[in-house]
Protein backbone atom coordinates (compact mmCIF):
# COMPACT_ATOMS: atom_id res chain seq x y z
CA MET A 1 0.23 -0.16 -0.54
CA MET A 2 1.37 3.57 -0.83
CA LEU A 3 0.00 6.53 1.32
CA ARG A 4 0.97 9.67 0.05
CA SER A 5 -0.02 12.96 1.88
CA PHE A 6 -0.06 16.33 0.98
CA LYS A 7 0.08 19.80 2.48
CA PHE A 8 -1.11 23.41 1.09
CA HIS A 9 -0.78 26.92 2.64
CA SER A 10 -3.61 29.75 1.80
CA CYS A 11 -2.77 30.47 -2.06
CA SER A 12 -3.54 26.50 -2.61
CA ARG A 13 0.06 26.02 -3.05
CA PHE A 14 2.03 22.81 -2.38
CA PRO A 15 4.91 23.70 0.33
CA GLY A 16 5.50 20.09 0.38
CA LYS A 17 4.49 16.78 -0.04
CA ARG A 18 4.94 12.94 1.96
CA LYS A 19 4.80 9.93 0.14
CA ARG A 20 5.07 6.49 2.51
CA LEU A 21 5.45 2.95 0.61
CA ILE A 22 4.36 0.96 3.49
CA TRP A 23 4.35 -2.06 0.68
CA LEU A 24 4.33 -2.94 -2.29
CA ARG A 25 3.66 -6.28 -4.66
CA ARG A 26 3.13 -6.11 -8.67
CA ALA A 27 0.79 -4.48 -9.99
CA LYS A 28 -2.32 -6.80 -10.96
CA ASP A 29 -5.45 -5.35 -8.92
CA LEU A 30 -5.13 -1.82 -8.35
CA THR A 31 -7.15 0.35 -6.04
CA ARG A 32 -6.96 4.10 -5.08
CA SER A 33 -8.86 6.08 -2.96
CA PHE A 34 -8.10 10.08 -1.84
CA THR A 35 -9.38 12.67 0.43
CA LEU A 36 -9.58 16.08 -0.64
CA GLN A 37 -10.18 19.45 0.98
CA ALA A 38 -12.19 22.53 -0.23
CA GLY A 39 -11.04 24.36 -3.68
CA THR A 40 -10.33 20.31 -4.89
CA ASN A 41 -6.55 20.50 -3.71
CA ARG A 42 -6.02 16.75 -3.06
CA ILE A 43 -4.48 15.99 0.42
CA ALA A 44 -3.89 12.19 0.51
CA SER A 45 -3.96 9.42 -1.75
CA VAL A 46 -4.02 5.64 -1.06
CA GLN A 47 -2.92 3.16 -3.44
CA ASP A 48 -3.90 -0.66 -2.97
CA VAL A 49 -1.93 -2.50 -4.64
CA ARG A 50 -2.02 -6.52 -5.47
CA GLU A 51 -0.82 -9.69 -6.90
CA ILE A 52 -4.07 -12.28 -7.44
CA GLY A 53 -2.56 -15.54 -7.74
CA GLN A 54 -5.12 -18.64 -9.46
CA SER A 55 -5.63 -19.93 -6.05
CA GLY A 56 -6.93 -16.69 -4.78
CA THR A 57 -4.31 -15.96 -2.07
CA SER A 58 -1.83 -12.43 -2.49
CA THR A 59 1.79 -12.92 -2.82
CA GLY A 60 4.57 -10.12 -2.53
CA SER A 61 7.23 -8.59 0.09
CA THR A 62 6.59 -5.99 2.18
CA GLY A 63 9.00 -2.81 2.44
CA THR A 64 9.22 0.73 3.33
CA ASP A 65 10.50 4.26 1.86
CA THR A 66 9.55 7.96 2.87
CA GLN A 67 10.24 10.89 0.42
CA THR A 68 9.38 14.66 0.54
CA HIS A 69 9.40 17.02 -1.68
CA HIS A 70 9.40 20.82 -1.60
CA PHE A 71 8.17 23.37 -4.46
CA ASP A 72 9.85 27.12 -5.36
CA TRP A 73 7.50 29.34 -7.19
CA ASP A 74 7.95 32.98 -8.88
CA ALA A 75 5.78 36.31 -7.35
CA SER A 76 3.84 35.82 -10.56
CA GLY A 77 2.83 32.12 -9.43
CA LYS A 78 4.65 29.31 -11.87
CA LEU A 79 6.07 26.68 -10.61
CA ILE A 80 10.46 27.17 -10.92
CA GLY A 81 11.69 23.85 -9.42
CA TYR A 82 11.44 21.11 -6.86
CA HIS A 83 13.51 21.06 -4.36
CA GLY A 84 15.41 17.52 -3.71
CA GLY A 85 12.80 16.26 -6.48
CA SER A 86 14.87 16.99 -9.49
CA LEU A 87 13.02 19.65 -11.59
CA VAL A 88 14.21 23.02 -12.03
CA PHE A 89 12.14 25.51 -14.68
CA GLU A 90 13.54 27.90 -16.96
CA ARG A 91 11.35 30.23 -19.03
CA ASP A 92 11.42 33.40 -21.61
CA ALA A 93 9.78 36.63 -22.03
CA ALA A 94 6.66 35.36 -22.32
CA GLY A 95 6.61 33.12 -19.55
CA ARG A 96 6.85 30.24 -21.14
CA ILE A 97 9.08 27.13 -20.03
CA SER A 98 11.67 27.37 -22.45
CA ALA A 99 13.77 24.64 -20.58
CA ILE A 100 14.14 22.12 -18.08
CA GLN A 101 16.70 20.60 -15.88
CA ALA A 102 15.85 16.97 -14.79
CA ALA A 103 17.78 15.00 -12.58
CA GLY A 104 19.39 11.78 -14.79
CA SER A 105 17.96 13.14 -18.14
CA GLY A 106 20.02 16.23 -18.46
CA THR A 107 18.60 19.76 -19.84
CA THR A 108 15.50 19.74 -22.26
CA ALA A 109 15.14 22.89 -24.27
CA TYR A 110 11.87 23.97 -25.83
CA GLN A 111 10.55 26.39 -28.85
CA SER A 112 6.99 27.95 -28.67
CA ASN A 113 5.40 29.77 -31.91
CA ALA A 114 3.05 32.70 -31.48
CA LEU A 115 0.38 30.66 -31.16
CA ALA A 116 2.04 28.98 -27.95
CA GLN A 117 2.46 25.81 -29.12
CA ARG A 118 5.23 23.52 -28.46
CA VAL A 119 6.90 23.25 -31.81
CA ARG A 120 10.87 21.76 -31.05
CA LYS A 121 12.28 20.29 -27.63
CA GLN A 122 16.17 19.42 -27.73
CA ASN A 123 18.40 17.53 -25.55
CA ASN A 124 21.93 15.91 -26.37
CA LEU A 125 20.58 12.76 -28.11
CA GLN A 126 17.52 14.01 -30.42
CA THR A 127 15.86 16.51 -31.23
CA THR A 128 12.07 16.57 -31.62
CA ALA A 129 9.67 18.88 -34.17
CA THR A 130 5.79 18.76 -33.59
CA VAL A 131 3.10 19.82 -35.98
CA TYR A 132 -0.43 20.82 -34.59
CA GLY A 133 -3.77 21.35 -36.79
CA ASP A 134 -5.73 24.28 -37.59
CA ASP A 135 -8.03 26.03 -35.71
CA GLU A 136 -9.90 27.64 -39.25
CA ALA A 137 -9.87 24.07 -40.66
CA TRP A 138 -11.04 22.25 -37.86
CA PRO A 139 -12.05 24.45 -34.18
CA GLY A 140 -9.52 22.91 -31.25
CA LEU A 141 -7.78 20.94 -33.41
CA SER A 142 -4.78 23.88 -32.79
CA SER A 143 -4.03 21.84 -29.22
CA TYR A 144 -3.76 18.62 -30.79
CA PRO A 145 -0.82 16.98 -32.68
CA LEU A 146 -0.66 15.74 -36.17
CA GLY A 147 2.25 14.52 -35.81
CA SER A 148 6.15 14.61 -34.15
CA TYR A 149 9.07 13.55 -35.78
CA ARG A 150 12.72 13.30 -34.01
CA MET A 151 16.12 13.11 -35.84
CA ALA A 152 19.65 12.53 -33.73
CA THR A 153 21.19 15.86 -32.05
CA SER A 154 24.85 14.45 -32.99
CA ASN A 155 24.02 13.87 -36.41
CA GLY A 156 20.72 14.80 -37.82
CA GLN A 157 19.82 11.15 -38.99
CA ALA A 158 15.91 10.53 -38.71
CA LEU A 159 14.84 8.52 -35.83
CA GLN A 160 11.11 7.27 -35.34
CA GLY A 161 8.37 9.43 -36.49
CA THR A 162 4.32 9.70 -35.10
CA GLU A 163 1.33 10.77 -36.40
CA TYR A 164 -2.10 11.09 -36.05
CA LEU A 165 -5.62 10.55 -37.18
CA TYR A 166 -8.56 12.32 -35.90
CA LEU A 167 -11.99 11.83 -36.35
CA PRO A 168 -14.04 15.10 -35.77
CA THR A 169 -16.46 14.08 -32.85
CA ALA A 170 -19.07 16.48 -30.62
CA SER A 171 -16.86 16.45 -27.76
CA GLY A 172 -13.86 17.34 -29.99
CA PRO A 173 -10.97 15.27 -31.64
CA MET A 174 -11.13 11.94 -31.59
CA PRO A 175 -7.43 9.59 -31.82
CA ILE A 176 -8.62 6.63 -34.25
CA ALA A 177 -4.89 5.87 -35.40
CA VAL A 178 -1.65 6.39 -34.79
CA GLN A 179 1.29 5.84 -37.52
CA ILE A 180 4.36 4.80 -35.27
CA GLY A 181 7.52 4.34 -37.29
CA ASN A 182 6.05 1.54 -39.80
CA GLU A 183 3.83 0.02 -37.79
CA LEU A 184 0.20 1.30 -37.70
CA LEU A 185 -2.42 0.87 -34.80
CA ALA A 186 -5.78 1.51 -34.00
CA VAL A 187 -6.64 4.05 -31.01
CA HIS A 188 -9.14 3.15 -28.47
CA THR A 189 -10.93 5.71 -26.16
CA ASP A 190 -12.87 6.33 -23.43
CA HIS A 191 -16.05 8.85 -23.31
CA LEU A 192 -13.74 11.64 -22.74
CA ASN A 193 -11.95 10.97 -26.22
CA THR A 194 -8.74 9.73 -24.10
CA PRO A 195 -6.90 7.09 -25.09
CA ARG A 196 -6.46 3.93 -23.43
CA ARG A 197 -5.27 1.30 -25.50
CA LEU A 198 -3.51 0.55 -28.99
CA THR A 199 -4.05 -2.57 -31.10
CA ASN A 200 -1.93 -3.75 -33.82
CA ARG A 201 -3.47 -5.26 -37.18
CA GLN A 202 -3.68 -8.67 -35.48
CA GLY A 203 -6.02 -7.09 -33.24
CA GLN A 204 -3.50 -7.97 -30.15
CA ALA A 205 -3.18 -5.20 -27.36
CA ALA A 206 0.31 -3.11 -27.50
CA TRP A 207 -0.27 -0.13 -25.19
CA GLN A 208 -3.04 0.61 -22.76
CA TRP A 209 -3.48 3.47 -20.00
CA PRO A 210 -5.59 2.50 -17.30
CA VAL A 211 -7.98 4.62 -15.71
CA SER A 212 -7.15 6.24 -12.66
CA GLY A 213 -8.05 9.60 -10.28
CA PHE A 214 -5.60 11.77 -12.01
CA GLY A 215 -3.47 10.07 -15.00
CA GLU A 216 -1.17 9.14 -12.17
CA VAL A 217 -0.83 5.73 -13.37
CA GLU A 218 1.98 4.66 -15.99
CA PRO A 219 0.85 3.02 -19.43
CA SER A 220 1.91 -0.29 -19.65
CA THR A 221 2.90 -2.50 -22.65
CA PRO A 222 3.39 -6.56 -23.25
CA VAL A 223 6.87 -5.82 -22.58
CA THR A 224 6.90 -4.23 -19.33
CA GLY A 225 3.12 -6.47 -17.67
CA TRP A 226 -0.81 -5.56 -17.94
CA ILE A 227 -1.90 -4.01 -14.43
CA ARG A 228 -4.99 -5.94 -14.79
CA PRO A 229 -5.18 -8.74 -16.65
CA ARG A 230 -8.70 -8.43 -18.04
CA LEU A 231 -7.73 -4.90 -19.52
CA GLY A 232 -5.16 -6.90 -22.10
CA SER A 233 -3.13 -9.90 -22.79
CA ALA A 234 -2.04 -12.03 -19.84
CA ALA A 235 0.65 -13.28 -21.88
CA GLU A 236 3.38 -11.31 -23.57
CA VAL A 237 2.97 -11.04 -27.82
CA GLN A 238 5.46 -12.32 -29.49
CA GLY A 239 8.09 -10.41 -30.94
CA SER A 240 6.44 -7.21 -29.58
CA THR A 241 8.72 -4.38 -29.06
CA THR A 242 8.04 -1.23 -26.13
CA ILE A 243 4.86 1.17 -28.06
CA SER A 244 5.71 5.43 -27.18
CA PHE A 245 2.56 6.59 -27.36
CA GLU A 246 2.58 10.09 -25.85
CA LEU A 247 -1.01 11.37 -25.99
CA ARG A 248 -2.80 11.35 -22.83
CA TYR A 249 -5.64 13.43 -21.60
CA PRO A 250 -7.73 15.19 -24.67
CA GLY A 251 -5.02 17.92 -25.92
CA GLN A 252 -1.88 16.45 -23.69
CA GLN A 253 1.16 14.79 -24.84
CA HIS A 254 3.89 12.78 -22.17
CA ASP A 255 6.98 13.62 -21.40
CA ALA A 256 9.33 10.78 -20.49
CA GLU A 257 12.46 13.68 -19.44
CA THR A 258 10.39 15.07 -16.86
CA GLY A 259 7.15 12.87 -16.66
CA LEU A 260 4.77 16.36 -16.92
CA TYR A 261 2.03 16.38 -19.40
CA TYR A 262 2.20 19.29 -21.83
CA ASN A 263 -1.14 20.94 -21.91
CA HIS A 264 -0.47 23.73 -24.68
CA HIS A 265 -0.55 26.28 -23.01
CA ARG A 266 0.75 24.94 -19.24
CA TYR A 267 1.52 21.36 -17.65
CA TYR A 268 -0.18 19.81 -16.14
CA ASP A 269 1.32 17.18 -13.71
CA PRO A 270 0.01 14.37 -12.23
CA TYR A 271 1.95 13.10 -9.93
CA LEU A 272 3.28 15.62 -7.23
CA THR A 273 1.48 19.09 -7.80
CA VAL A 274 -1.45 17.21 -9.09
CA GLY A 275 -2.34 20.23 -10.91
CA TYR A 276 -0.93 22.53 -13.14
CA THR A 277 2.66 23.83 -12.43
CA GLU A 278 1.62 28.18 -13.85
CA ALA A 279 -1.55 29.63 -12.42
CA ASP A 280 -4.31 30.72 -14.29
CA PRO A 281 -3.94 33.26 -16.66
CA ILE A 282 -7.48 34.58 -16.24
CA GLY A 283 -6.90 35.12 -12.25
CA LEU A 284 -9.89 34.51 -9.97
CA GLU A 285 -12.11 34.22 -12.86
CA GLY A 286 -11.65 30.81 -12.93
CA GLY A 287 -11.99 29.44 -9.51
CA TRP A 288 -10.16 29.59 -5.96
CA ASN A 289 -7.55 27.61 -7.00
CA ARG A 290 -5.51 29.01 -10.09
CA PHE A 291 -3.58 25.39 -9.90
CA ALA A 292 -6.65 22.92 -10.42
CA TYR A 293 -7.08 20.96 -13.64
CA VAL A 294 -10.87 20.70 -14.30
CA ASP A 295 -12.13 21.38 -10.79
CA GLY A 296 -10.44 18.20 -9.40
CA ASN A 297 -12.43 15.99 -11.80
CA PRO A 298 -10.78 15.28 -15.06
CA LEU A 299 -13.33 11.76 -15.39
CA LEU A 300 -15.96 14.09 -16.04
CA TYR A 301 -13.87 17.40 -17.99
CA ILE A 302 -11.32 17.85 -19.90
CA ASP A 303 -8.94 20.82 -21.30
CA PRO A 304 -7.29 20.77 -24.18
CA THR A 305 -6.14 24.05 -24.14
CA GLY A 306 -4.96 24.34 -20.97
CA LEU A 307 -7.20 27.71 -20.37
CA VAL A 308 -11.02 25.74 -20.42
CA LYS A 309 -11.83 26.30 -16.34
CA HIS A 310 -15.01 24.08 -15.12
CA THR A 311 -16.89 25.92 -12.24
CA SER A 312 -19.14 24.01 -10.15
CA GLY A 313 -22.21 26.07 -9.21
CA GLN A 314 -24.21 25.06 -6.12
CA TRP A 315 -26.81 22.84 -5.55
CA ILE A 316 -30.40 24.34 -5.22
CA ASP A 317 -33.36 22.54 -3.78
CA CYS A 318 -36.30 22.54 -6.33
CA GLY A 319 -38.10 19.85 -3.57
CA LYS A 320 -39.94 16.80 -3.15
CA GLY A 321 -36.22 15.06 -3.19
CA CYS A 322 -35.38 16.78 -6.64
CA LYS A 323 -32.53 19.54 -7.22
CA ILE A 324 -30.41 21.12 -9.66
CA ARG A 325 -26.60 22.50 -9.85
CA ILE A 326 -25.68 24.63 -12.89
CA ASP A 327 -22.18 24.67 -14.01
CA PHE A 328 -20.07 26.27 -16.60
CA THR A 329 -16.77 26.14 -18.37
CA PHE A 330 -15.16 29.63 -20.07
CA ASP A 331 -12.02 28.35 -22.16
CA GLU A 332 -9.69 31.58 -22.54
CA LYS A 333 -8.48 31.61 -25.62
CA THR A 334 -12.03 31.85 -27.61
CA GLY A 335 -13.78 33.80 -24.59
CA ILE A 336 -16.55 30.90 -24.76
CA LYS A 337 -18.70 30.05 -22.10
CA ARG A 338 -20.95 27.52 -21.92
CA ARG A 339 -23.33 25.86 -18.98
CA HIS A 340 -25.03 22.92 -18.22
CA LEU A 341 -27.08 21.24 -15.88
CA HIS A 342 -26.41 18.48 -13.61
CA TRP A 343 -30.16 17.38 -11.45
CA GLU A 344 -30.78 14.49 -9.57
CA CYS A 345 -34.68 13.95 -8.72
CA LYS A 346 -36.19 11.13 -6.42
CA GLY A 347 -33.23 8.64 -7.10
CA ASP A 348 -32.49 9.31 -10.97
CA GLU A 349 -29.93 11.57 -12.00
CA GLY A 350 -28.49 13.41 -15.53
CA GLU A 351 -27.50 16.39 -17.17
CA CYS A 352 -27.83 18.06 -20.01
CA GLY A 353 -26.72 21.29 -21.54
CA GLU A 354 -27.97 25.11 -22.67
CA ASN A 355 -30.37 25.27 -25.51
CA GLY A 356 -30.70 21.74 -26.52
CA GLU A 357 -27.38 21.16 -26.59
CA ALA A 358 -26.28 17.83 -24.73
CA SER A 359 -23.53 17.27 -21.91
CA HIS A 360 -22.26 14.52 -21.00
CA GLY A 361 -24.49 12.20 -22.53
CA GLY A 362 -27.91 13.53 -21.55
CA THR A 363 -30.45 16.37 -22.93
CA TRP A 364 -33.18 18.33 -21.82
CA ALA A 365 -35.70 15.75 -23.07
CA ASP A 366 -33.84 13.74 -20.38
CA ALA A 367 -34.94 15.85 -17.41
CA PRO A 368 -37.91 15.07 -15.51
CA GLU A 369 -40.79 18.40 -15.40
CA ARG A 370 -40.20 19.57 -11.83
CA ILE A 371 -36.10 19.96 -12.77
CA LYS A 372 -37.94 21.73 -15.78
CA GLN A 373 -39.51 24.08 -14.35
CA CYS A 374 -36.68 24.59 -11.69
CA ALA A 375 -33.82 24.95 -14.07
CA LEU A 376 -36.54 27.84 -15.97
CA LYS A 377 -36.93 29.13 -12.79
CA ASN A 378 -33.15 29.84 -11.91
CA GLY A 379 -32.46 31.44 -15.70
CA PHE A 380 -31.48 27.99 -17.46
CA ASN A 381 -33.16 27.01 -20.37
CA GLY A 382 -32.37 23.65 -21.84
CA ALA A 383 -34.40 23.31 -24.95
CA ALA A 384 -33.64 24.25 -28.09
CA PRO A 385 -34.74 27.51 -29.18
CA GLU A 386 -37.43 28.28 -32.05
CA PRO A 387 -37.09 29.48 -35.49
CA ASP A 388 -37.77 32.59 -36.30
CA PRO A 389 -41.47 32.61 -37.79
CA PRO A 390 -41.47 32.94 -41.41
CA ILE A 391 -41.34 36.23 -43.37
CA ILE A 392 -44.69 36.25 -46.02
CA THR A 393 -44.12 39.11 -48.21
CA ASN A 394 -46.23 40.41 -51.15
CA PRO A 395 -44.45 39.44 -54.75
CA PHE A 396 -45.51 42.48 -56.15
CA SER A 397 -43.24 44.17 -52.86
CA ARG A 398 -39.77 45.33 -52.78
CA PRO A 399 -37.21 42.99 -51.13
CA PRO A 400 -36.59 42.94 -47.79
CA VAL A 401 -33.38 44.55 -46.10
CA TYR A 402 -31.95 43.37 -43.47
CA ASP A 403 -32.28 45.13 -40.03
CA PRO A 404 -29.57 45.02 -37.81
CA ARG A 405 -32.08 45.98 -34.77
CA TYR A 406 -33.81 42.94 -35.36
CA ASP A 407 -30.88 40.75 -36.32
CA ARG A 408 -33.72 39.63 -39.32
CA PRO A 409 -34.86 40.74 -42.60
CA MET A 410 -37.51 43.63 -42.13
CA PRO A 411 -40.16 43.71 -44.89
CA GLN A 412 -40.64 46.83 -46.45
CA PRO A 413 -43.95 48.74 -47.86
CA PRO A 414 -45.39 47.89 -50.61
CA ARG A 415 -44.84 49.37 -54.17
CA PRO A 416 -47.41 51.45 -55.68
CA TYR A 417 -49.92 48.96 -57.58
CA ILE A 418 -50.89 49.34 -61.43
CA PRO A 419 -53.89 47.00 -62.69
CA ILE A 420 -52.18 44.87 -64.97
CA PHE A 421 -55.36 45.44 -67.22
CA PRO A 422 -56.59 48.64 -67.53
CA LEU A 423 -60.29 49.73 -68.25
CA PRO A 424 -60.72 50.34 -72.09
CA GLY A 425 -60.69 53.66 -72.86
CA ARG A 426 -59.23 54.73 -69.25
CA MET A 427 -55.73 55.75 -67.70
CA PRO A 428 -54.77 53.43 -65.43
CA LYS A 429 -55.16 54.80 -62.15
CA ILE A 430 -52.28 54.45 -59.23
CA PHE A 431 -53.67 53.51 -55.98
């Protein structure tokens, strides 16, 4: 069992963390529990790892170990180093991480473009160039890598490259395939479009990332052994090699040299700080905890840009065992704010978006009538807006003119009508 405890000061930062390894066995069955305080700070986690044999008995050895980590922050709320934890950050004039010194792997330098996309990283072994999507072609794709291409730093020789294929979905780009070198693999994702498994042409699992509370469990391969046999082949795949696949939560890329997840505008640390290494650039508008990732709930929400903030509202009593909660997400990059509704009523529960949008797979039609009335009373309308009535005009009248005051065409007065067949011997009259 691994026991981790965390301490915070008044600014929701980590002055230190203590980790105590009570006992550890080969990972085959995994149970993990967390203790949270107000502000989504995780103050303790308990990991129960055990191997179960065919007879149902637990086997393994025990041991103890204690480690303490301290963190250094600058005046703007950016993490600049782990004391004794072996990571030191360097930043450029824009505040972005330009280099990280890691014990055991040396210094890695990073370069970003004007869109804050990290396009290059280099250490003493290899240089990696990354290409991203275009928001104009597909909104939101600029936070997702399309390909990473490596070459040896010493002689410039091309190394193994990786290219990703995405499918457009209502919840964002979904990775469905990856080309790693000469091998094409299928990507299997969960409900958030997070990659969880790769399979080869024979349908054999080649890589998997087990579901965990905050993404802190390392991926496994046939070479390293599976964490849970029921999630993959119990036997090693013959002739298999270790797969290096860097995608994590949507919009994130794993850096093997540091253990951090690059998240476009910020870096996510699932192990020590359990949040971002930089404070929220929009300040307290994104919530009291400026370092939290998706309000501490990565099993329900995503943040591909590192700037989307999810804020949970207060539960509102609707009477007769029903209640609602109105949450919202705000994207600092686009300025778009979206609200969604959580409801519970007489043992049932669900979610829905606003103005006819779905949320977490639920719609406004799923909600009971009491929930709908309570939501409308509190300013939330989940029904799709009714279309404007058609404008019927006289075919002989002037064409409608757009009126910005009403955001729709406004009919114009009809033209003077001239009879097509005037009476004999009389001039046509203009009415």
